[in-house]
Protein backbone atom coordinates (compact mmCIF):
# COMPACT_ATOMS: atom_id res chain seq x y z
CA MET A 1 15.59 40.22 47.89
CA ARG A 2 14.96 36.59 48.26
CA PHE A 3 12.92 34.40 46.16
CA PRO A 4 12.05 30.81 46.42
CA CYS A 5 14.41 28.61 44.59
CA GLY A 6 12.98 26.49 41.98
CA LEU A 7 10.22 29.11 41.10
CA LEU A 8 10.30 28.61 37.47
CA ALA A 9 10.24 24.74 37.54
CA GLY A 10 7.72 23.25 35.46
CA LEU A 11 5.80 26.10 34.27
CA GLY A 12 2.53 25.77 32.30
CA VAL A 13 1.16 29.20 30.81
CA VAL A 14 -2.46 30.02 31.90
CA ALA A 15 -3.98 33.54 31.54
CA PHE A 16 -4.84 33.42 34.72
CA GLY A 17 -26.97 31.96 66.46
CA LEU A 18 -29.67 33.63 68.75
CA PRO A 19 -33.41 33.28 68.12
CA GLY A 20 -36.03 35.93 67.23
CA SER A 21 -35.05 39.44 66.51
CA LEU A 22 -31.84 39.44 68.32
CA ARG A 23 -30.33 37.16 65.40
CA ALA A 24 -29.70 40.20 63.11
CA GLU A 25 -27.85 42.36 65.11
CA PHE A 26 -25.90 40.03 67.42
CA VAL A 27 -22.53 39.49 66.56
CA LEU A 28 -20.15 37.44 68.52
CA PHE A 29 -15.94 38.14 68.48
CA ARG A 30 -15.74 40.75 65.81
CA ASN A 31 -12.54 41.36 64.33
CA ILE A 32 -11.32 37.69 65.20
CA TRP A 33 -9.37 37.47 61.81
CA GLY A 34 -6.58 39.96 62.67
CA ASN A 35 -4.69 41.83 59.85
CA ALA A 36 -3.26 40.36 56.84
CA VAL A 37 0.42 41.40 56.36
CA VAL A 38 1.21 42.82 52.97
CA ASN A 39 4.77 43.39 51.60
CA THR A 40 6.02 44.11 47.74
CA ASP A 41 9.71 43.89 47.11
CA MET A 42 10.88 45.26 43.77
CA THR A 43 14.31 44.88 41.91
CA PRO A 44 15.71 47.98 40.16
CA ALA A 45 14.38 46.42 37.07
CA GLY A 46 11.10 46.83 38.66
CA ARG A 47 11.39 50.50 39.89
CA ALA A 48 12.08 51.67 36.28
CA LEU A 49 8.65 50.66 35.35
CA THR A 50 5.45 53.04 35.11
CA PRO A 51 3.00 51.38 37.36
CA PRO A 52 -0.26 50.47 35.25
CA THR A 53 -3.54 51.87 35.66
CA VAL A 54 -6.89 50.80 34.48
CA GLU A 55 -6.68 53.41 31.58
CA ALA A 56 -2.92 52.15 30.56
CA PRO A 57 -3.30 48.71 31.69
CA VAL A 58 -0.01 46.04 31.43
CA TYR A 59 -0.47 42.86 29.69
CA PHE A 60 0.61 39.49 31.11
CA LEU A 61 0.00 35.75 30.91
CA GLY A 62 1.15 33.44 33.81
CA THR A 63 1.13 30.13 35.86
CA THR A 64 -0.35 29.04 38.98
CA LEU A 65 1.89 26.59 41.02
CA GLY A 66 -1.25 25.99 43.80
CA THR A 67 0.06 24.93 47.18
CA LYS A 68 3.67 24.91 46.58
CA LEU A 69 4.43 26.66 49.90
CA GLY A 70 2.74 23.67 51.84
CA SER A 71 -0.42 22.37 53.23
CA ILE A 72 -1.79 20.01 55.71
CA PRO A 73 -3.93 17.26 55.49
CA GLY A 74 -7.68 17.66 55.43
CA ASP A 75 -7.49 21.41 54.93
CA ASP A 76 -10.37 22.62 52.64
CA GLU A 77 -8.26 24.04 49.53
CA PRO A 78 -10.07 26.07 47.07
CA PRO A 79 -10.14 24.70 43.13
CA VAL A 80 -7.17 26.59 41.54
CA LYS A 81 -9.38 27.58 38.59
CA GLU A 82 -11.70 29.32 40.51
CA VAL A 83 -8.81 31.07 42.04
CA ASN A 84 -7.34 32.06 38.77
CA GLU A 85 -10.48 33.49 37.68
CA PHE A 86 -10.71 35.37 41.08
CA VAL A 87 -7.12 36.88 40.96
CA THR A 88 -7.36 37.36 37.33
CA ARG A 89 -10.43 39.99 38.15
CA LEU A 90 -8.69 41.40 41.06
CA LEU A 91 -5.33 42.22 38.87
CA ALA A 92 -7.50 44.02 36.22
CA LYS A 93 -8.55 46.57 39.16
CA GLN A 94 -5.07 47.23 39.52
CA GLY A 95 -4.09 47.81 35.65
CA TYR A 96 -3.06 44.44 34.91
CA ARG A 97 -5.11 42.42 32.43
CA ALA A 98 -4.86 38.85 30.76
CA ALA A 99 -2.79 38.98 27.42
CA GLN A 100 -4.49 37.97 24.32
CA ARG A 101 -1.95 36.78 21.49
CA GLY A 102 -2.25 39.12 18.15
CA VAL A 103 -4.54 41.82 20.23
CA HIS A 104 -2.52 42.45 23.27
CA GLU A 105 0.87 40.84 23.52
CA PRO A 106 2.44 40.24 27.23
CA THR A 107 5.14 42.08 28.98
CA LEU A 108 4.92 40.31 32.50
CA PHE A 109 4.83 36.68 33.23
CA LEU A 110 3.15 36.51 36.62
CA VAL A 111 3.66 33.29 39.22
CA MET A 112 1.46 32.82 41.61
CA GLN A 113 1.64 29.99 44.64
CA TRP A 114 0.19 29.73 48.20
CA GLY A 115 0.44 27.62 51.01
CA TYR A 116 0.37 26.77 54.86
CA LEU A 117 3.50 28.01 56.71
CA ARG A 118 4.66 26.38 59.89
CA PRO A 119 6.66 28.45 62.28
CA GLY A 120 9.82 26.91 63.36
CA TYR A 121 10.21 25.19 59.98
CA ASP A 122 9.34 28.06 57.64
CA ASP A 123 11.01 31.34 57.42
CA THR A 124 7.56 32.87 58.49
CA GLY A 125 9.57 36.12 59.54
CA TRP A 126 11.00 37.34 56.18
CA PHE A 127 8.03 36.05 54.52
CA LEU A 128 5.99 38.59 56.59
CA GLY A 129 8.73 41.56 55.95
CA TYR A 130 10.75 41.34 59.34
CA ASN A 131 14.58 41.00 59.75
CA ALA A 132 15.46 40.60 63.64
CA ASN A 133 19.08 42.14 62.47
CA GLN A 134 17.48 45.29 62.57
CA ASP A 135 16.27 45.22 65.77
CA ILE A 136 19.66 44.24 66.94
CA ALA A 137 21.38 46.59 64.71
CA ALA A 138 19.06 49.49 65.97
CA GLY A 139 19.63 48.67 69.66
CA GLY A 140 23.27 47.97 69.63
CA GLY A 141 22.44 44.35 70.79
CA LEU A 142 19.35 45.48 73.34
CA ALA A 143 16.79 44.18 71.03
CA PRO A 144 14.77 43.44 74.23
CA LEU A 145 14.43 46.85 75.27
CA LEU A 146 12.90 48.03 72.02
CA LYS A 147 9.53 46.76 72.42
CA ASN A 148 8.19 50.01 73.00
CA LEU A 149 9.93 51.39 69.90
CA ARG A 150 8.40 49.13 67.52
CA SER A 151 5.97 49.55 64.78
CA ARG A 152 2.78 48.31 65.29
CA GLU A 153 3.55 46.20 61.79
CA ILE A 154 6.58 44.79 63.44
CA GLU A 155 4.86 43.73 66.44
CA THR A 156 2.08 42.25 64.57
CA ILE A 157 4.98 40.57 62.44
CA ILE A 158 6.60 39.33 65.56
CA GLU A 159 3.13 38.06 67.03
CA TYR A 160 2.76 35.91 63.93
CA GLY A 161 5.95 34.18 64.01
CA SER A 162 4.85 31.90 66.20
CA LYS A 163 2.01 31.05 64.65
CA PRO A 164 1.01 28.96 61.60
CA ILE A 165 0.14 31.33 58.55
CA TYR A 166 -1.32 31.00 55.25
CA GLY A 167 0.87 32.79 52.67
CA ILE A 168 0.31 33.92 49.04
CA ILE A 169 3.36 34.78 46.46
CA VAL A 170 2.75 36.52 43.39
CA THR A 171 6.11 36.89 41.58
CA ALA A 172 6.30 39.22 38.27
CA PHE A 173 8.86 38.50 35.59
CA GLU A 174 9.75 40.20 32.19
CA TYR A 175 7.95 38.04 29.95
CA THR A 176 10.84 37.48 27.66
CA THR A 177 13.11 36.26 30.20
CA ALA A 178 10.81 34.39 32.12
CA SER A 179 11.74 30.71 30.77
CA THR A 180 15.36 31.66 30.36
CA PRO A 181 18.49 30.67 32.79
CA ASN A 182 18.58 34.38 33.90
CA PRO A 183 14.78 35.63 34.21
CA VAL A 184 14.58 39.20 34.70
CA ILE A 185 12.50 39.67 38.17
CA TYR A 186 10.58 42.71 38.45
CA TRP A 187 8.58 42.46 41.75
CA GLN A 188 7.16 40.14 44.33
CA THR A 189 3.88 40.37 46.46
CA ARG A 190 3.81 38.24 50.20
CA ILE A 191 0.83 38.19 51.84
CA GLY A 192 0.23 36.63 55.12
CA LEU A 193 -2.56 35.56 57.76
CA PRO A 194 -3.00 33.63 60.74
CA ALA A 195 -4.19 30.26 59.81
CA ASN A 196 -5.58 29.16 63.19
CA GLY A 197 -9.64 29.24 63.07
CA LYS A 198 -9.89 29.35 59.25
CA THR A 199 -9.47 27.10 56.23
CA MET A 200 -7.20 27.81 53.22
CA ALA A 201 -10.41 28.17 51.05
CA GLN A 202 -11.96 30.79 53.27
CA ALA A 203 -8.53 32.65 54.06
CA LEU A 204 -7.29 33.05 50.29
CA PRO A 205 -9.99 35.38 48.55
CA THR A 206 -9.92 37.80 51.81
CA MET A 207 -5.78 37.65 51.46
CA PHE A 208 -5.78 38.29 47.81
CA VAL A 209 -8.43 41.13 48.35
CA ALA A 210 -6.18 42.34 51.09
CA GLY A 211 -3.13 42.33 49.05
CA ALA A 212 -4.16 43.57 45.48
CA PRO A 213 -3.42 47.22 45.84
CA ALA A 214 0.09 46.43 46.36
CA PHE A 215 0.53 44.18 43.31
CA GLY A 216 3.42 45.83 41.71
CA ARG A 217 3.96 48.79 43.92
CA GLU A 218 6.82 48.64 46.52
CA THR A 219 5.84 48.74 49.86
CA LYS A 220 9.25 49.44 51.70
CA THR A 221 7.89 48.18 54.90
CA ALA A 222 4.70 46.04 55.68
CA ILE A 223 1.65 46.86 55.35
CA LEU A 224 -1.55 45.60 57.82
CA ARG A 225 -4.79 45.20 56.16
CA ASP A 226 -7.94 44.30 58.79
CA ALA A 227 -8.94 40.82 57.41
CA ASP A 228 -12.56 41.50 58.58
CA THR A 229 -12.80 44.45 57.07
CA VAL A 230 -12.11 43.38 54.06
CA ARG A 231 -14.33 40.12 54.52
CA GLU A 232 -17.33 42.39 55.48
CA GLY A 233 -16.60 44.83 52.45
CA HIS A 234 -15.40 42.81 49.43
CA VAL A 235 -15.46 38.92 49.75
CA LYS A 236 -18.44 36.42 49.81
CA LEU A 237 -16.65 33.54 51.25
CA GLY A 238 -16.97 30.01 49.94
CA ASP A 239 -17.70 30.85 46.35
CA LEU A 240 -14.97 33.59 45.36
CA LYS A 241 -17.25 36.57 44.19
CA PHE A 242 -16.93 40.40 44.51
CA LEU A 243 -19.47 41.91 46.60
CA GLU A 244 -17.84 45.25 45.72
CA GLU A 245 -15.33 47.05 43.22
CA VAL A 246 -12.11 46.92 44.58
CA PRO A 247 -10.06 50.04 43.87
CA ALA A 248 -7.21 50.61 41.95
CA ALA A 249 -4.44 51.86 44.09
CA THR A 250 -1.62 54.36 43.27
CA ASP A 251 -0.30 54.31 47.17
CA PRO A 252 -0.56 50.62 48.65
CA LYS A 253 -0.85 51.88 52.12
CA PRO A 254 -4.17 51.77 53.57
């Protein structure tokens, strides 16, 4: 498993149209956002944990590093405080609740960061969960001939590899070791979505909702979540509010 360097540097703790009657029926270019790609890697220490539920939650504190993964001038970036509040509610639906000193002590320390990743400069293949060497190994060096054998997930990742994407990383550490030279990492969830045609402020809520069921639940391979379905069903863009409940997941696959 790979994790960004310097992840713990400088941590500060937080609890984290048409006129007339046609207007309502006419929808142009449905499904234009594509799929969010979700991966959760887990260490042996993380696999030893019992996944939390709403009834038996795990308590956390954490920090947000904001646009640590990169940004572009002029992009509309969401307020960090609002993102923290939004994601804290999402985490609660998956059994992760903000700790309260003297009431519920933390066992996890969560680090959250996001940003804009550029093809050719950032390792978007790894970020999205694809290793080209796997194709080569499977095909004996004949990777171009494997196109018809690749999964829909891999084909999507390869397509996205030539595009700028917005990315989110949520990493879970054992709380007591998080600030030590040798922190124990439990799991890391990465979420990617093409950046074209949207702002960061628009994309992040949809991405977090798409990835929430995979928090702390190993995916083995990449999961695709239809971003347009997520937008229509769960997220009101612009003010980071829920329209519906996001269910707790025992299986992160859609």
